[in-house]
Amino acid sequence: MADRHLQEPTRLVLTALADAPRHGYAIIDEVQVISGGRTRMLSGTLYTALDRLLKQGLIRVEREEVVSGKLRRSFALTDQGRDVLTAETERLRAGVDQAERRLALGLQPKKGAV
């Protein structure tokens, strides 16, 4: 997984779990905050992603509890999930650094230009 980049929803879910375990609806809320309101994850999409991330070993179930007669699971990053998110963060940072460097070069007057 380290050789390909993460899709934005996956990156946002992993980021939402980076600082603390969260249950599904808390992840949905956190994704909206992290994305500056640009991404509103639907519960079906989230739980499909959570199942996939569990199978990949990037997250784990932190705890389960019954709330109002329904099972609520809280999820946390695994060490592997933290490593994948760290690698993705470094990849994105390198891309931003390249864009900023090239933008700065583009602002410099060209030799011989008036």
C-alpha atoms as a PDB file:
ATOM      1  CA  MET A   1       0.000   0.000   0.000  1.00  0.00           C
ATOM      2  CA  ALA A   2       2.945   2.333   0.555  1.00  0.00           C
ATOM      3  CA  ASP A   3       3.653   2.362  -3.193  1.00  0.00           C
ATOM      4  CA  ARG A   4       0.362   4.034  -4.139  1.00  0.00           C
ATOM      5  CA  HIS A   5      -1.281   7.122  -2.801  1.00  0.00           C
ATOM      6  CA  LEU A   6      -4.405   7.105  -0.667  1.00  0.00           C
ATOM      7  CA  GLN A   7      -7.716   8.261  -2.016  1.00  0.00           C
ATOM      8  CA  GLU A   8      -8.901  11.400  -0.226  1.00  0.00           C
ATOM      9  CA  PRO A   9     -11.742   9.747   1.759  1.00  0.00           C
ATOM     10  CA  THR A  10      -9.351   7.075   3.065  1.00  0.00           C
ATOM     11  CA  ARG A  11      -6.776   9.702   4.002  1.00  0.00           C
ATOM     12  CA  LEU A  12      -9.436  11.739   5.782  1.00  0.00           C
ATOM     13  CA  VAL A  13     -10.677   8.735   7.786  1.00  0.00           C
ATOM     14  CA  LEU A  14      -7.144   7.809   8.830  1.00  0.00           C
ATOM     15  CA  THR A  15      -6.456  11.442   9.735  1.00  0.00           C
ATOM     16  CA  ALA A  16      -9.639  11.558  11.825  1.00  0.00           C
ATOM     17  CA  LEU A  17      -8.323   8.599  13.824  1.00  0.00           C
ATOM     18  CA  ALA A  18      -4.733   9.866  14.142  1.00  0.00           C
ATOM     19  CA  ASP A  19      -5.215  11.708  17.422  1.00  0.00           C
ATOM     20  CA  ALA A  20      -7.869   9.603  19.169  1.00  0.00           C
ATOM     21  CA  PRO A  21     -10.174   6.612  18.701  1.00  0.00           C
ATOM     22  CA  ARG A  22     -13.626   7.546  17.405  1.00  0.00           C
ATOM     23  CA  HIS A  23     -16.947   5.892  16.635  1.00  0.00           C
ATOM     24  CA  GLY A  24     -18.552   6.148  13.213  1.00  0.00           C
ATOM     25  CA  TYR A  25     -20.572   9.326  13.536  1.00  0.00           C
ATOM     26  CA  ALA A  26     -17.683  11.068  15.295  1.00  0.00           C
ATOM     27  CA  ILE A  27     -15.479  10.114  12.321  1.00  0.00           C
ATOM     28  CA  ILE A  28     -18.064  11.596   9.944  1.00  0.00           C
ATOM     29  CA  ASP A  29     -18.055  14.850  11.940  1.00  0.00           C
ATOM     30  CA  GLU A  30     -14.255  14.925  12.138  1.00  0.00           C
ATOM     31  CA  VAL A  31     -13.870  14.326   8.383  1.00  0.00           C
ATOM     32  CA  GLN A  32     -16.066  17.339   7.744  1.00  0.00           C
ATOM     33  CA  VAL A  33     -13.920  19.478  10.080  1.00  0.00           C
ATOM     34  CA  ILE A  34     -10.616  18.227   8.625  1.00  0.00           C
ATOM     35  CA  SER A  35     -11.796  18.868   5.069  1.00  0.00           C
ATOM     36  CA  GLY A  36     -12.983  22.368   5.879  1.00  0.00           C
ATOM     37  CA  GLY A  37     -16.545  21.297   5.120  1.00  0.00           C
ATOM     38  CA  ARG A  38     -15.706  20.110   1.585  1.00  0.00           C
ATOM     39  CA  THR A  39     -16.271  16.424   2.317  1.00  0.00           C
ATOM     40  CA  ARG A  40     -19.444  15.105   3.875  1.00  0.00           C
ATOM     41  CA  MET A  41     -19.134  11.367   4.234  1.00  0.00           C
ATOM     42  CA  LEU A  42     -22.312   9.312   4.201  1.00  0.00           C
ATOM     43  CA  SER A  43     -22.615   6.531   6.771  1.00  0.00           C
ATOM     44  CA  GLY A  44     -22.786   3.778   4.128  1.00  0.00           C
ATOM     45  CA  THR A  45     -19.603   5.053   2.507  1.00  0.00           C
ATOM     46  CA  LEU A  46     -17.879   5.339   5.875  1.00  0.00           C
ATOM     47  CA  TYR A  47     -18.749   1.835   7.062  1.00  0.00           C
ATOM     48  CA  THR A  48     -17.648   0.334   3.739  1.00  0.00           C
ATOM     49  CA  ALA A  49     -14.331   2.168   4.126  1.00  0.00           C
ATOM     50  CA  LEU A  50     -13.994   1.090   7.768  1.00  0.00           C
ATOM     51  CA  ASP A  51     -14.544  -2.570   6.834  1.00  0.00           C
ATOM     52  CA  ARG A  52     -11.884  -2.282   4.109  1.00  0.00           C
ATOM     53  CA  LEU A  53      -9.419  -0.538   6.443  1.00  0.00           C
ATOM     54  CA  LEU A  54     -10.002  -3.217   9.096  1.00  0.00           C
ATOM     55  CA  LYS A  55      -9.247  -5.961   6.549  1.00  0.00           C
ATOM     56  CA  GLN A  56      -6.102  -4.107   5.443  1.00  0.00           C
ATOM     57  CA  GLY A  57      -4.925  -3.852   9.047  1.00  0.00           C
ATOM     58  CA  LEU A  58      -4.799  -0.047   9.016  1.00  0.00           C
ATOM     59  CA  ILE A  59      -7.367   0.358  11.792  1.00  0.00           C
ATOM     60  CA  ARG A  60      -8.663  -1.807  14.625  1.00  0.00           C
ATOM     61  CA  VAL A  61     -11.748  -1.881  16.807  1.00  0.00           C
ATOM     62  CA  GLU A  62     -10.770  -0.070  20.000  1.00  0.00           C
ATOM     63  CA  ARG A  63     -13.940  -0.899  21.929  1.00  0.00           C
ATOM     64  CA  GLU A  64     -17.545  -1.943  21.521  1.00  0.00           C
ATOM     65  CA  GLU A  65     -20.454  -0.788  23.628  1.00  0.00           C
ATOM     66  CA  VAL A  66     -24.223  -0.914  23.433  1.00  0.00           C
ATOM     67  CA  VAL A  67     -25.825   2.536  23.229  1.00  0.00           C
ATOM     68  CA  SER A  68     -29.617   2.816  23.042  1.00  0.00           C
ATOM     69  CA  GLY A  69     -29.820  -0.862  22.147  1.00  0.00           C
ATOM     70  CA  LYS A  70     -27.345  -0.563  19.252  1.00  0.00           C
ATOM     71  CA  LEU A  71     -23.753  -1.709  19.070  1.00  0.00           C
ATOM     72  CA  ARG A  72     -21.309   1.186  18.801  1.00  0.00           C
ATOM     73  CA  ARG A  73     -17.740   0.423  17.778  1.00  0.00           C
ATOM     74  CA  SER A  74     -14.881   2.842  18.228  1.00  0.00           C
ATOM     75  CA  PHE A  75     -11.946   2.577  15.859  1.00  0.00           C
ATOM     76  CA  ALA A  76      -8.267   3.429  16.241  1.00  0.00           C
ATOM     77  CA  LEU A  77      -5.237   3.496  13.960  1.00  0.00           C
ATOM     78  CA  THR A  78      -2.908   0.531  14.060  1.00  0.00           C
ATOM     79  CA  ASP A  79       0.860   1.024  13.850  1.00  0.00           C
ATOM     80  CA  GLN A  80       0.607   0.066  10.177  1.00  0.00           C
ATOM     81  CA  GLY A  81      -2.159   2.647   9.664  1.00  0.00           C
ATOM     82  CA  ARG A  82      -0.022   5.318  11.309  1.00  0.00           C
ATOM     83  CA  ASP A  83       2.914   4.367   9.048  1.00  0.00           C
ATOM     84  CA  VAL A  84       0.722   4.556   5.922  1.00  0.00           C
ATOM     85  CA  LEU A  85      -0.694   7.950   6.962  1.00  0.00           C
ATOM     86  CA  THR A  86       2.809   9.226   7.747  1.00  0.00           C
ATOM     87  CA  ALA A  87       4.090   8.098   4.327  1.00  0.00           C
ATOM     88  CA  GLU A  88       1.094   9.734   2.614  1.00  0.00           C
ATOM     89  CA  THR A  89       1.684  12.964   4.526  1.00  0.00           C
ATOM     90  CA  GLU A  90       5.329  12.985   3.431  1.00  0.00           C
ATOM     91  CA  ARG A  91       4.304  12.299  -0.184  1.00  0.00           C
ATOM     92  CA  LEU A  92       1.814  15.178  -0.151  1.00  0.00           C
ATOM     93  CA  ARG A  93       4.311  17.511   1.539  1.00  0.00           C
ATOM     94  CA  ALA A  94       6.925  16.733  -1.144  1.00  0.00           C
ATOM     95  CA  GLY A  95       4.388  17.580  -3.841  1.00  0.00           C
ATOM     96  CA  VAL A  96       3.473  20.850  -2.140  1.00  0.00           C
ATOM     97  CA  ASP A  97       7.160  21.728  -1.753  1.00  0.00           C
ATOM     98  CA  GLN A  98       7.704  21.145  -5.492  1.00  0.00           C
ATOM     99  CA  ALA A  99       4.674  23.258  -6.424  1.00  0.00           C
ATOM    100  CA  GLU A 100       5.744  26.116  -4.130  1.00  0.00           C
ATOM    101  CA  ARG A 101       9.317  26.018  -5.457  1.00  0.00           C
ATOM    102  CA  ARG A 102       8.144  26.109  -9.057  1.00  0.00           C
ATOM    103  CA  LEU A 103       5.607  28.850  -8.373  1.00  0.00           C
ATOM    104  CA  ALA A 104       8.319  30.934  -6.734  1.00  0.00           C
ATOM    105  CA  LEU A 105      10.598  30.414  -9.752  1.00  0.00           C
ATOM    106  CA  GLY A 106       7.777  31.488 -12.036  1.00  0.00           C
ATOM    107  CA  LEU A 107       7.456  34.791 -10.159  1.00  0.00           C
ATOM    108  CA  GLN A 108      11.074  35.771 -10.769  1.00  0.00           C
ATOM    109  CA  PRO A 109      11.620  38.055 -13.759  1.00  0.00           C
ATOM    110  CA  LYS A 110      13.195  36.285 -16.694  1.00  0.00           C
ATOM    111  CA  LYS A 111      16.610  37.455 -17.869  1.00  0.00           C
ATOM    112  CA  GLY A 112      16.293  39.975 -20.639  1.00  0.00           C
ATOM    113  CA  ALA A 113      12.568  40.507 -19.986  1.00  0.00           C
ATOM    114  CA  VAL A 114      11.302  44.065 -19.774  1.00  0.00           C
END
